[in-house]
PDB file of N, CA and C in Angstrom:
ATOM      1  N   MET A   1     -56.721 114.871 138.069  1.00  0.00           N
ATOM      2  CA  MET A   1     -57.244 116.115 137.946  1.00  0.00           C
ATOM      3  C   MET A   1     -56.200 116.601 136.792  1.00  0.00           C
ATOM      4  N   ALA A   2     -56.954 116.901 135.762  1.00  0.00           N
ATOM      5  CA  ALA A   2     -55.289 117.017 134.436  1.00  0.00           C
ATOM      6  C   ALA A   2     -55.054 118.604 134.993  1.00  0.00           C
ATOM      7  N   VAL A   3     -53.595 118.738 134.767  1.00  0.00           N
ATOM      8  CA  VAL A   3     -53.132 119.674 134.924  1.00  0.00           C
ATOM      9  C   VAL A   3     -52.003 120.113 133.658  1.00  0.00           C
ATOM     10  N   CYS A   4     -51.668 121.018 133.205  1.00  0.00           N
ATOM     11  CA  CYS A   4     -51.146 121.465 131.978  1.00  0.00           C
ATOM     12  C   CYS A   4     -49.465 121.325 133.066  1.00  0.00           C
ATOM     13  N   CYS A   5     -48.526 120.468 132.224  1.00  0.00           N
ATOM     14  CA  CYS A   5     -47.181 120.264 132.755  1.00  0.00           C
ATOM     15  C   CYS A   5     -46.237 121.940 132.217  1.00  0.00           C
ATOM     16  N   ILE A   6     -47.093 122.360 131.762  1.00  0.00           N
ATOM     17  CA  ILE A   6     -46.353 123.787 131.452  1.00  0.00           C
ATOM     18  C   ILE A   6     -46.795 124.825 131.998  1.00  0.00           C
ATOM     19  N   CYS A   7     -48.197 125.181 132.159  1.00  0.00           N
ATOM     20  CA  CYS A   7     -48.344 126.665 132.523  1.00  0.00           C
ATOM     21  C   CYS A   7     -49.232 125.965 133.582  1.00  0.00           C
ATOM     22  N   ASP A   8     -49.611 124.621 133.767  1.00  0.00           N
ATOM     23  CA  ASP A   8     -50.817 124.538 135.362  1.00  0.00           C
ATOM     24  C   ASP A   8     -51.896 124.892 134.968  1.00  0.00           C
ATOM     25  N   VAL A   9     -52.257 124.878 133.764  1.00  0.00           N
ATOM     26  CA  VAL A   9     -54.101 125.419 133.844  1.00  0.00           C
ATOM     27  C   VAL A   9     -54.703 123.674 134.056  1.00  0.00           C
ATOM     28  N   GLU A  10     -55.930 123.842 134.850  1.00  0.00           N
ATOM     29  CA  GLU A  10     -56.553 122.334 135.275  1.00  0.00           C
ATOM     30  C   GLU A  10     -57.669 122.101 134.518  1.00  0.00           C
ATOM     31  N   ILE A  11     -58.278 121.536 134.747  1.00  0.00           N
ATOM     32  CA  ILE A  11     -59.180 121.009 134.249  1.00  0.00           C
ATOM     33  C   ILE A  11     -60.291 121.984 134.722  1.00  0.00           C
ATOM     34  N   GLY A  12     -61.399 122.685 134.458  1.00  0.00           N
ATOM     35  CA  GLY A  12     -62.298 123.213 134.889  1.00  0.00           C
ATOM     36  C   GLY A  12     -62.188 125.058 134.666  1.00  0.00           C
ATOM     37  N   SER A  13     -60.748 124.914 134.592  1.00  0.00           N
ATOM     38  CA  SER A  13     -60.242 126.571 134.376  1.00  0.00           C
ATOM     39  C   SER A  13     -60.898 127.564 133.034  1.00  0.00           C
ATOM     40  N   PRO A  14     -61.018 128.450 133.372  1.00  0.00           N
ATOM     41  CA  PRO A  14     -61.596 129.040 132.502  1.00  0.00           C
ATOM     42  C   PRO A  14     -60.775 129.256 130.834  1.00  0.00           C
ATOM     43  N   PRO A  15     -60.273 129.375 129.807  1.00  0.00           N
ATOM     44  CA  PRO A  15     -61.816 129.315 129.235  1.00  0.00           C
ATOM     45  C   PRO A  15     -61.857 127.363 129.530  1.00  0.00           C
ATOM     46  N   GLU A  16     -63.354 126.933 129.027  1.00  0.00           N
ATOM     47  CA  GLU A  16     -63.786 125.524 129.773  1.00  0.00           C
ATOM     48  C   GLU A  16     -63.308 125.335 128.089  1.00  0.00           C
ATOM     49  N   CYS A  17     -63.488 125.389 126.803  1.00  0.00           N
ATOM     50  CA  CYS A  17     -62.947 125.057 126.019  1.00  0.00           C
ATOM     51  C   CYS A  17     -61.283 124.097 126.100  1.00  0.00           C
ATOM     52  N   ILE A  18     -60.671 124.179 127.213  1.00  0.00           N
ATOM     53  CA  ILE A  18     -59.625 123.828 126.925  1.00  0.00           C
ATOM     54  C   ILE A  18     -59.644 122.180 127.236  1.00  0.00           C
ATOM     55  N   SER A  19     -58.859 121.450 126.050  1.00  0.00           N
ATOM     56  CA  SER A  19     -58.675 119.744 126.051  1.00  0.00           C
ATOM     57  C   SER A  19     -57.663 120.111 126.857  1.00  0.00           C
ATOM     58  N   PHE A  20     -57.102 118.350 127.326  1.00  0.00           N
ATOM     59  CA  PHE A  20     -55.793 118.253 127.579  1.00  0.00           C
ATOM     60  C   PHE A  20     -55.033 117.063 126.697  1.00  0.00           C
ATOM     61  N   HIS A  21     -53.720 117.138 127.147  1.00  0.00           N
ATOM     62  CA  HIS A  21     -53.429 115.610 125.647  1.00  0.00           C
ATOM     63  C   HIS A  21     -51.916 114.961 126.433  1.00  0.00           C
ATOM     64  N   ARG A  22     -52.646 113.812 126.240  1.00  0.00           N
ATOM     65  CA  ARG A  22     -50.775 113.210 127.246  1.00  0.00           C
ATOM     66  C   ARG A  22     -50.031 113.158 126.065  1.00  0.00           C
ATOM     67  N   PHE A  23     -49.065 112.780 126.118  1.00  0.00           N
ATOM     68  CA  PHE A  23     -47.738 112.700 125.423  1.00  0.00           C
ATOM     69  C   PHE A  23     -47.883 111.669 124.607  1.00  0.00           C
ATOM     70  N   PRO A  24     -47.773 111.948 123.193  1.00  0.00           N
ATOM     71  CA  PRO A  24     -47.442 110.184 121.924  1.00  0.00           C
ATOM     72  C   PRO A  24     -46.721 109.580 122.783  1.00  0.00           C
ATOM     73  N   LYS A  25     -47.504 108.187 122.628  1.00  0.00           N
ATOM     74  CA  LYS A  25     -46.761 107.063 122.931  1.00  0.00           C
ATOM     75  C   LYS A  25     -45.824 106.775 122.100  1.00  0.00           C
ATOM     76  N   GLN A  26     -45.659 107.023 120.682  1.00  0.00           N
ATOM     77  CA  GLN A  26     -44.394 106.704 119.730  1.00  0.00           C
ATOM     78  C   GLN A  26     -43.313 107.839 120.039  1.00  0.00           C
ATOM     79  N   ASP A  27     -42.415 107.118 120.282  1.00  0.00           N
ATOM     80  CA  ASP A  27     -41.235 107.702 120.108  1.00  0.00           C
ATOM     81  C   ASP A  27     -40.386 108.613 119.716  1.00  0.00           C
ATOM     82  N   ASN A  28     -40.751 108.297 118.517  1.00  0.00           N
ATOM     83  CA  ASN A  28     -40.126 109.514 117.534  1.00  0.00           C
ATOM     84  C   ASN A  28     -40.898 110.742 118.007  1.00  0.00           C
ATOM     85  N   ARG A  29     -42.308 110.870 117.886  1.00  0.00           N
ATOM     86  CA  ARG A  29     -43.178 111.408 117.758  1.00  0.00           C
ATOM     87  C   ARG A  29     -43.073 112.602 119.221  1.00  0.00           C
ATOM     88  N   LYS A  30     -42.436 111.562 120.286  1.00  0.00           N
ATOM     89  CA  LYS A  30     -42.634 112.412 122.228  1.00  0.00           C
ATOM     90  C   LYS A  30     -41.044 112.856 121.873  1.00  0.00           C
ATOM     91  N   LEU A  31     -40.244 112.696 121.088  1.00  0.00           N
ATOM     92  CA  LEU A  31     -39.010 113.258 121.300  1.00  0.00           C
ATOM     93  C   LEU A  31     -38.697 114.538 120.561  1.00  0.00           C
ATOM     94  N   ARG A  32     -39.991 114.728 119.702  1.00  0.00           N
ATOM     95  CA  ARG A  32     -40.299 115.560 118.458  1.00  0.00           C
ATOM     96  C   ARG A  32     -40.468 117.055 119.367  1.00  0.00           C
ATOM     97  N   TRP A  33     -42.021 116.506 120.431  1.00  0.00           N
ATOM     98  CA  TRP A  33     -42.951 117.390 121.513  1.00  0.00           C
ATOM     99  C   TRP A  33     -41.720 117.805 122.110  1.00  0.00           C
ATOM    100  N   LEU A  34     -41.061 117.084 122.485  1.00  0.00           N
ATOM    101  CA  LEU A  34     -39.777 117.517 123.991  1.00  0.00           C
ATOM    102  C   LEU A  34     -38.831 118.019 123.528  1.00  0.00           C
ATOM    103  N   THR A  35     -38.344 118.440 122.057  1.00  0.00           N
ATOM    104  CA  THR A  35     -37.341 118.719 121.869  1.00  0.00           C
ATOM    105  C   THR A  35     -38.103 120.304 121.395  1.00  0.00           C
ATOM    106  N   VAL A  36     -39.478 120.326 120.948  1.00  0.00           N
ATOM    107  CA  VAL A  36     -39.952 121.960 121.126  1.00  0.00           C
ATOM    108  C   VAL A  36     -39.619 122.177 122.457  1.00  0.00           C
ATOM    109  N   ILE A  37     -40.239 121.820 123.239  1.00  0.00           N
ATOM    110  CA  ILE A  37     -40.606 121.983 124.922  1.00  0.00           C
ATOM    111  C   ILE A  37     -38.917 122.799 124.967  1.00  0.00           C
ATOM    112  N   ASN A  38     -37.908 121.740 124.863  1.00  0.00           N
ATOM    113  CA  ASN A  38     -36.788 122.025 125.677  1.00  0.00           C
ATOM    114  C   ASN A  38     -36.110 123.133 125.178  1.00  0.00           C
ATOM    115  N   GLU A  39     -36.216 123.549 123.429  1.00  0.00           N
ATOM    116  CA  GLU A  39     -35.851 124.380 122.776  1.00  0.00           C
ATOM    117  C   GLU A  39     -36.649 125.911 123.498  1.00  0.00           C
ATOM    118  N   ASN A  40     -37.535 125.761 124.056  1.00  0.00           N
ATOM    119  CA  ASN A  40     -38.189 127.122 124.488  1.00  0.00           C
ATOM    120  C   ASN A  40     -38.297 127.255 125.967  1.00  0.00           C
ATOM    121  N   ILE A  41     -37.891 126.320 127.158  1.00  0.00           N
ATOM    122  CA  ILE A  41     -38.066 125.924 128.131  1.00  0.00           C
ATOM    123  C   ILE A  41     -37.788 125.757 129.180  1.00  0.00           C
ATOM    124  N   LYS A  42     -37.189 125.884 129.597  1.00  0.00           N
ATOM    125  CA  LYS A  42     -35.747 125.530 130.630  1.00  0.00           C
ATOM    126  C   LYS A  42     -36.268 124.941 132.142  1.00  0.00           C
ATOM    127  N   ASN A  43     -36.081 124.145 132.478  1.00  0.00           N
ATOM    128  CA  ASN A  43     -36.461 123.145 133.275  1.00  0.00           C
ATOM    129  C   ASN A  43     -37.409 122.405 133.413  1.00  0.00           C
ATOM    130  N   PHE A  44     -38.096 121.988 131.834  1.00  0.00           N
ATOM    131  CA  PHE A  44     -38.924 121.262 131.842  1.00  0.00           C
ATOM    132  C   PHE A  44     -38.424 119.679 132.259  1.00  0.00           C
ATOM    133  N   ALA A  45     -39.583 119.033 133.021  1.00  0.00           N
ATOM    134  CA  ALA A  45     -39.562 117.840 133.305  1.00  0.00           C
ATOM    135  C   ALA A  45     -40.153 116.901 132.769  1.00  0.00           C
ATOM    136  N   PHE A  46     -39.945 115.522 132.145  1.00  0.00           N
ATOM    137  CA  PHE A  46     -41.040 115.554 131.506  1.00  0.00           C
ATOM    138  C   PHE A  46     -41.366 114.174 132.788  1.00  0.00           C
ATOM    139  N   THR A  47     -43.159 113.424 132.963  1.00  0.00           N
ATOM    140  CA  THR A  47     -43.002 112.178 133.279  1.00  0.00           C
ATOM    141  C   THR A  47     -44.131 111.296 132.702  1.00  0.00           C
ATOM    142  N   ALA A  48     -44.328 110.047 132.908  1.00  0.00           N
ATOM    143  CA  ALA A  48     -45.208 109.504 132.166  1.00  0.00           C
ATOM    144  C   ALA A  48     -46.593 110.130 132.711  1.00  0.00           C
ATOM    145  N   ASN A  49     -47.078 110.564 133.305  1.00  0.00           N
ATOM    146  CA  ASN A  49     -48.378 111.364 133.523  1.00  0.00           C
ATOM    147  C   ASN A  49     -48.420 112.807 132.980  1.00  0.00           C
ATOM    148  N   SER A  50     -47.384 113.085 132.580  1.00  0.00           N
ATOM    149  CA  SER A  50     -47.603 114.222 131.757  1.00  0.00           C
ATOM    150  C   SER A  50     -48.529 114.591 130.946  1.00  0.00           C
ATOM    151  N   GLN A  51     -49.195 115.867 130.982  1.00  0.00           N
ATOM    152  CA  GLN A  51     -50.076 116.669 129.913  1.00  0.00           C
ATOM    153  C   GLN A  51     -50.200 117.651 129.804  1.00  0.00           C
ATOM    154  N   ILE A  52     -50.381 118.446 128.378  1.00  0.00           N
ATOM    155  CA  ILE A  52     -50.272 119.397 128.137  1.00  0.00           C
ATOM    156  C   ILE A  52     -51.453 119.532 127.589  1.00  0.00           C
ATOM    157  N   CYS A  53     -52.133 120.970 127.801  1.00  0.00           N
ATOM    158  CA  CYS A  53     -53.263 121.402 127.073  1.00  0.00           C
ATOM    159  C   CYS A  53     -53.451 122.118 125.773  1.00  0.00           C
ATOM    160  N   SER A  54     -54.607 122.404 125.857  1.00  0.00           N
ATOM    161  CA  SER A  54     -54.701 122.533 124.075  1.00  0.00           C
ATOM    162  C   SER A  54     -54.920 123.970 123.849  1.00  0.00           C
ATOM    163  N   GLN A  55     -53.976 124.963 124.526  1.00  0.00           N
ATOM    164  CA  GLN A  55     -53.298 126.387 124.303  1.00  0.00           C
ATOM    165  C   GLN A  55     -52.481 126.490 124.361  1.00  0.00           C
ATOM    166  N   HIS A  56     -51.190 125.442 123.582  1.00  0.00           N
ATOM    167  CA  HIS A  56     -50.054 125.584 123.778  1.00  0.00           C
ATOM    168  C   HIS A  56     -50.015 124.684 121.948  1.00  0.00           C
ATOM    169  N   PHE A  57     -50.820 124.766 121.570  1.00  0.00           N
ATOM    170  CA  PHE A  57     -51.339 123.937 119.914  1.00  0.00           C
ATOM    171  C   PHE A  57     -52.251 125.042 118.945  1.00  0.00           C
ATOM    172  N   THR A  58     -51.625 125.237 117.660  1.00  0.00           N
ATOM    173  CA  THR A  58     -52.156 126.101 117.069  1.00  0.00           C
ATOM    174  C   THR A  58     -53.844 125.749 116.340  1.00  0.00           C
ATOM    175  N   VAL A  59     -54.826 125.862 115.736  1.00  0.00           N
ATOM    176  CA  VAL A  59     -56.217 125.254 115.650  1.00  0.00           C
ATOM    177  C   VAL A  59     -55.789 124.415 114.361  1.00  0.00           C
ATOM    178  N   ASP A  60     -54.976 124.467 113.704  1.00  0.00           N
ATOM    179  CA  ASP A  60     -55.103 123.830 112.670  1.00  0.00           C
ATOM    180  C   ASP A  60     -54.469 122.404 113.038  1.00  0.00           C
ATOM    181  N   CYS A  61     -53.946 122.169 114.327  1.00  0.00           N
ATOM    182  CA  CYS A  61     -53.532 121.202 114.662  1.00  0.00           C
ATOM    183  C   CYS A  61     -54.862 119.929 115.341  1.00  0.00           C
ATOM    184  N   PHE A  62     -55.975 120.386 115.484  1.00  0.00           N
ATOM    185  CA  PHE A  62     -56.803 119.908 115.866  1.00  0.00           C
ATOM    186  C   PHE A  62     -57.975 118.850 114.865  1.00  0.00           C
ATOM    187  N   VAL A  63     -58.501 118.074 115.071  1.00  0.00           N
ATOM    188  CA  VAL A  63     -59.671 117.638 114.174  1.00  0.00           C
ATOM    189  C   VAL A  63     -60.523 118.362 115.271  1.00  0.00           C
ATOM    190  N   VAL A  64     -61.976 117.995 114.877  1.00  0.00           N
ATOM    191  CA  VAL A  64     -63.042 118.603 115.108  1.00  0.00           C
ATOM    192  C   VAL A  64     -64.168 117.503 115.461  1.00  0.00           C
ATOM    193  N   THR A  65     -64.831 116.615 115.620  1.00  0.00           N
ATOM    194  CA  THR A  65     -65.940 115.727 115.346  1.00  0.00           C
ATOM    195  C   THR A  65     -67.015 116.737 115.426  1.00  0.00           C
ATOM    196  N   CYS A  66     -68.209 115.552 115.042  1.00  0.00           N
ATOM    197  CA  CYS A  66     -69.363 116.739 114.978  1.00  0.00           C
ATOM    198  C   CYS A  66     -70.080 116.549 116.257  1.00  0.00           C
ATOM    199  N   SER A  67     -69.677 115.950 116.864  1.00  0.00           N
ATOM    200  CA  SER A  67     -70.176 116.487 118.477  1.00  0.00           C
ATOM    201  C   SER A  67     -69.299 117.173 119.064  1.00  0.00           C
ATOM    202  N   GLY A  68     -68.272 118.041 118.276  1.00  0.00           N
ATOM    203  CA  GLY A  68     -67.506 119.085 119.032  1.00  0.00           C
ATOM    204  C   GLY A  68     -66.724 118.540 119.284  1.00  0.00           C
ATOM    205  N   ARG A  69     -65.973 116.919 120.480  1.00  0.00           N
ATOM    206  CA  ARG A  69     -64.886 116.387 120.636  1.00  0.00           C
ATOM    207  C   ARG A  69     -63.499 117.218 120.044  1.00  0.00           C
ATOM    208  N   ARG A  70     -62.442 117.552 120.354  1.00  0.00           N
ATOM    209  CA  ARG A  70     -61.146 117.747 120.118  1.00  0.00           C
ATOM    210  C   ARG A  70     -60.159 116.711 120.051  1.00  0.00           C
ATOM    211  N   TYR A  71     -59.324 116.377 119.099  1.00  0.00           N
ATOM    212  CA  TYR A  71     -58.567 115.019 118.907  1.00  0.00           C
ATOM    213  C   TYR A  71     -57.354 115.793 117.614  1.00  0.00           C
ATOM    214  N   LEU A  72     -55.711 115.532 118.993  1.00  0.00           N
ATOM    215  CA  LEU A  72     -54.668 116.045 118.034  1.00  0.00           C
ATOM    216  C   LEU A  72     -54.520 115.499 116.616  1.00  0.00           C
ATOM    217  N   LYS A  73     -53.938 116.079 115.834  1.00  0.00           N
ATOM    218  CA  LYS A  73     -53.689 115.708 114.539  1.00  0.00           C
ATOM    219  C   LYS A  73     -52.281 114.710 114.889  1.00  0.00           C
ATOM    220  N   SER A  74     -52.165 113.530 113.913  1.00  0.00           N
ATOM    221  CA  SER A  74     -51.067 112.600 113.890  1.00  0.00           C
ATOM    222  C   SER A  74     -49.195 113.323 114.054  1.00  0.00           C
ATOM    223  N   ASN A  75     -49.577 115.203 113.270  1.00  0.00           N
ATOM    224  CA  ASN A  75     -48.504 115.660 113.145  1.00  0.00           C
ATOM    225  C   ASN A  75     -48.448 116.946 114.238  1.00  0.00           C
ATOM    226  N   ALA A  76     -49.508 116.818 114.498  1.00  0.00           N
ATOM    227  CA  ALA A  76     -49.583 118.106 116.218  1.00  0.00           C
ATOM    228  C   ALA A  76     -48.227 118.136 116.968  1.00  0.00           C
ATOM    229  N   VAL A  77     -47.924 119.469 116.811  1.00  0.00           N
ATOM    230  CA  VAL A  77     -46.295 119.165 117.801  1.00  0.00           C
ATOM    231  C   VAL A  77     -46.898 120.951 118.168  1.00  0.00           C
ATOM    232  N   PRO A  78     -46.327 121.132 120.099  1.00  0.00           N
ATOM    233  CA  PRO A  78     -46.830 122.134 120.581  1.00  0.00           C
ATOM    234  C   PRO A  78     -46.378 123.444 119.972  1.00  0.00           C
ATOM    235  N   SER A  79     -46.508 124.800 120.297  1.00  0.00           N
ATOM    236  CA  SER A  79     -45.948 124.981 119.488  1.00  0.00           C
ATOM    237  C   SER A  79     -45.993 126.744 120.158  1.00  0.00           C
ATOM    238  N   ILE A  80     -46.951 126.468 121.038  1.00  0.00           N
ATOM    239  CA  ILE A  80     -47.170 128.559 121.896  1.00  0.00           C
ATOM    240  C   ILE A  80     -47.315 128.575 123.192  1.00  0.00           C
ATOM    241  N   PHE A  81     -45.923 128.801 123.560  1.00  0.00           N
ATOM    242  CA  PHE A  81     -45.239 129.286 125.188  1.00  0.00           C
ATOM    243  C   PHE A  81     -45.500 130.279 125.531  1.00  0.00           C
ATOM    244  N   SER A  82     -46.212 131.266 124.751  1.00  0.00           N
ATOM    245  CA  SER A  82     -46.353 132.687 125.266  1.00  0.00           C
ATOM    246  C   SER A  82     -47.097 133.058 126.048  1.00  0.00           C
ATOM    247  N   MET A  83     -47.207 132.092 127.505  1.00  0.00           N
ATOM    248  CA  MET A  83     -48.012 132.372 128.376  1.00  0.00           C
ATOM    249  C   MET A  83     -47.917 131.934 129.440  1.00  0.00           C
ATOM    250  N   PRO A  84     -48.010 132.705 130.878  1.00  0.00           N
ATOM    251  CA  PRO A  84     -47.428 132.513 132.266  1.00  0.00           C
ATOM    252  C   PRO A  84     -47.512 130.891 132.328  1.00  0.00           C
ATOM    253  N   LEU A  85     -45.861 130.815 132.804  1.00  0.00           N
ATOM    254  CA  LEU A  85     -45.993 129.321 132.786  1.00  0.00           C
ATOM    255  C   LEU A  85     -45.335 129.152 133.943  1.00  0.00           C
ATOM    256  N   LYS A  86     -46.146 127.849 134.444  1.00  0.00           N
ATOM    257  CA  LYS A  86     -46.086 126.780 135.574  1.00  0.00           C
ATOM    258  C   LYS A  86     -44.769 127.102 136.433  1.00  0.00           C
ATOM    259  N   GLN A  87     -44.866 127.545 137.771  1.00  0.00           N
ATOM    260  CA  GLN A  87     -43.445 127.544 138.653  1.00  0.00           C
ATOM    261  C   GLN A  87     -42.316 127.053 138.509  1.00  0.00           C
ATOM    262  N   GLY A  88     -40.916 127.210 138.393  1.00  0.00           N
ATOM    263  CA  GLY A  88     -40.278 126.414 138.434  1.00  0.00           C
ATOM    264  C   GLY A  88     -39.580 126.476 136.533  1.00  0.00           C
ATOM    265  N   LEU A  89     -40.152 126.815 135.867  1.00  0.00           N
ATOM    266  CA  LEU A  89     -40.081 126.891 134.033  1.00  0.00           C
ATOM    267  C   LEU A  89     -39.676 127.895 133.995  1.00  0.00           C
ATOM    268  N   GLU A  90     -38.735 128.027 133.158  1.00  0.00           N
ATOM    269  CA  GLU A  90     -38.183 129.741 132.458  1.00  0.00           C
ATOM    270  C   GLU A  90     -38.227 129.552 130.832  1.00  0.00           C
ATOM    271  N   MET A  91     -38.482 130.127 130.432  1.00  0.00           N
ATOM    272  CA  MET A  91     -38.554 130.946 128.627  1.00  0.00           C
ATOM    273  C   MET A  91     -36.865 130.582 128.091  1.00  0.00           C
ATOM    274  N   THR A  92     -36.927 130.378 127.559  1.00  0.00           N
ATOM    275  CA  THR A  92     -35.174 130.261 126.734  1.00  0.00           C
ATOM    276  C   THR A  92     -35.019 131.502 126.575  1.00  0.00           C
ATOM    277  N   GLN A  93     -35.880 132.011 125.986  1.00  0.00           N
ATOM    278  CA  GLN A  93     -35.340 132.780 124.733  1.00  0.00           C
ATOM    279  C   GLN A  93     -36.714 134.046 125.809  1.00  0.00           C
ATOM    280  N   PRO A  94     -36.372 135.515 125.101  1.00  0.00           N
ATOM    281  CA  PRO A  94     -37.518 136.575 126.071  1.00  0.00           C
ATOM    282  C   PRO A  94     -38.657 136.487 125.088  1.00  0.00           C
ATOM    283  N   VAL A  95     -39.981 136.423 125.651  1.00  0.00           N
ATOM    284  CA  VAL A  95     -41.002 136.610 125.412  1.00  0.00           C
ATOM    285  C   VAL A  95     -41.516 137.799 125.093  1.00  0.00           C
ATOM    286  N   ASN A  96     -42.373 138.598 124.024  1.00  0.00           N
ATOM    287  CA  ASN A  96     -42.885 139.815 123.803  1.00  0.00           C
ATOM    288  C   ASN A  96     -43.614 139.939 125.405  1.00  0.00           C
ATOM    289  N   THR A  97     -43.698 140.515 125.791  1.00  0.00           N
ATOM    290  CA  THR A  97     -44.272 140.595 127.395  1.00  0.00           C
ATOM    291  C   THR A  97     -46.058 141.435 126.610  1.00  0.00           C
ATOM    292  N   VAL A  98     -45.984 141.967 125.405  1.00  0.00           N
ATOM    293  CA  VAL A  98     -47.155 142.717 124.832  1.00  0.00           C
ATOM    294  C   VAL A  98     -48.615 141.429 124.541  1.00  0.00           C
ATOM    295  N   LEU A  99     -47.545 140.303 124.179  1.00  0.00           N
ATOM    296  CA  LEU A  99     -48.452 138.792 124.379  1.00  0.00           C
ATOM    297  C   LEU A  99     -48.628 138.645 125.449  1.00  0.00           C
ATOM    298  N   VAL A 100     -47.753 138.248 126.574  1.00  0.00           N
ATOM    299  CA  VAL A 100     -48.192 137.460 127.673  1.00  0.00           C
ATOM    300  C   VAL A 100     -49.578 138.620 128.241  1.00  0.00           C
ATOM    301  N   PHE A 101     -49.452 139.763 128.241  1.00  0.00           N
ATOM    302  CA  PHE A 101     -49.949 140.730 129.143  1.00  0.00           C
ATOM    303  C   PHE A 101     -51.593 140.783 127.752  1.00  0.00           C
ATOM    304  N   ILE A 102     -51.880 140.415 126.890  1.00  0.00           N
ATOM    305  CA  ILE A 102     -53.140 140.250 126.161  1.00  0.00           C
ATOM    306  C   ILE A 102     -53.187 138.605 126.486  1.00  0.00           C
ATOM    307  N   TYR A 103     -52.598 138.069 126.798  1.00  0.00           N
ATOM    308  CA  TYR A 103     -53.004 136.427 127.297  1.00  0.00           C
ATOM    309  C   TYR A 103     -53.852 136.243 128.173  1.00  0.00           C
ATOM    310  N   ILE A 104     -52.995 137.495 129.526  1.00  0.00           N
ATOM    311  CA  ILE A 104     -53.809 137.361 130.395  1.00  0.00           C
ATOM    312  C   ILE A 104     -55.000 138.075 130.418  1.00  0.00           C
ATOM    313  N   LEU A 105     -55.170 138.913 129.928  1.00  0.00           N
ATOM    314  CA  LEU A 105     -56.418 140.153 129.612  1.00  0.00           C
ATOM    315  C   LEU A 105     -57.329 138.938 129.298  1.00  0.00           C
ATOM    316  N   ILE A 106     -57.040 138.215 127.824  1.00  0.00           N
ATOM    317  CA  ILE A 106     -58.160 137.160 127.801  1.00  0.00           C
ATOM    318  C   ILE A 106     -58.571 136.349 128.539  1.00  0.00           C
ATOM    319  N   HIS A 107     -58.006 135.742 129.307  1.00  0.00           N
ATOM    320  CA  HIS A 107     -58.166 134.540 129.712  1.00  0.00           C
ATOM    321  C   HIS A 107     -58.670 135.066 131.514  1.00  0.00           C
ATOM    322  N   GLU A 108     -58.763 136.117 132.270  1.00  0.00           N
ATOM    323  CA  GLU A 108     -59.623 136.673 133.593  1.00  0.00           C
ATOM    324  C   GLU A 108     -60.457 136.653 133.213  1.00  0.00           C
TER     325      GLU A 108
END
């Protein structure tokens, strides 16, 4: 079962349009993702099985096929962290609580 390593969202959780993505295999791309994540989140621990959900990427990070399947572009980097985090993780900087509240309302 896929679970986001940042916010604990699982496959099948609403909204159903969430997709899950493994970290890049290329070292330079993986390092870029890890750098951005560690700049925003304390206590993050990467494993070979870590997956991140689509909620952490902006819309322009995706290519959508005719069948509706979404793929991350090769230059995509996670940049959205303003949602409740997985237990044990903390934001490195204060988050606008209004944004978190709006996120919770939309996803309930």
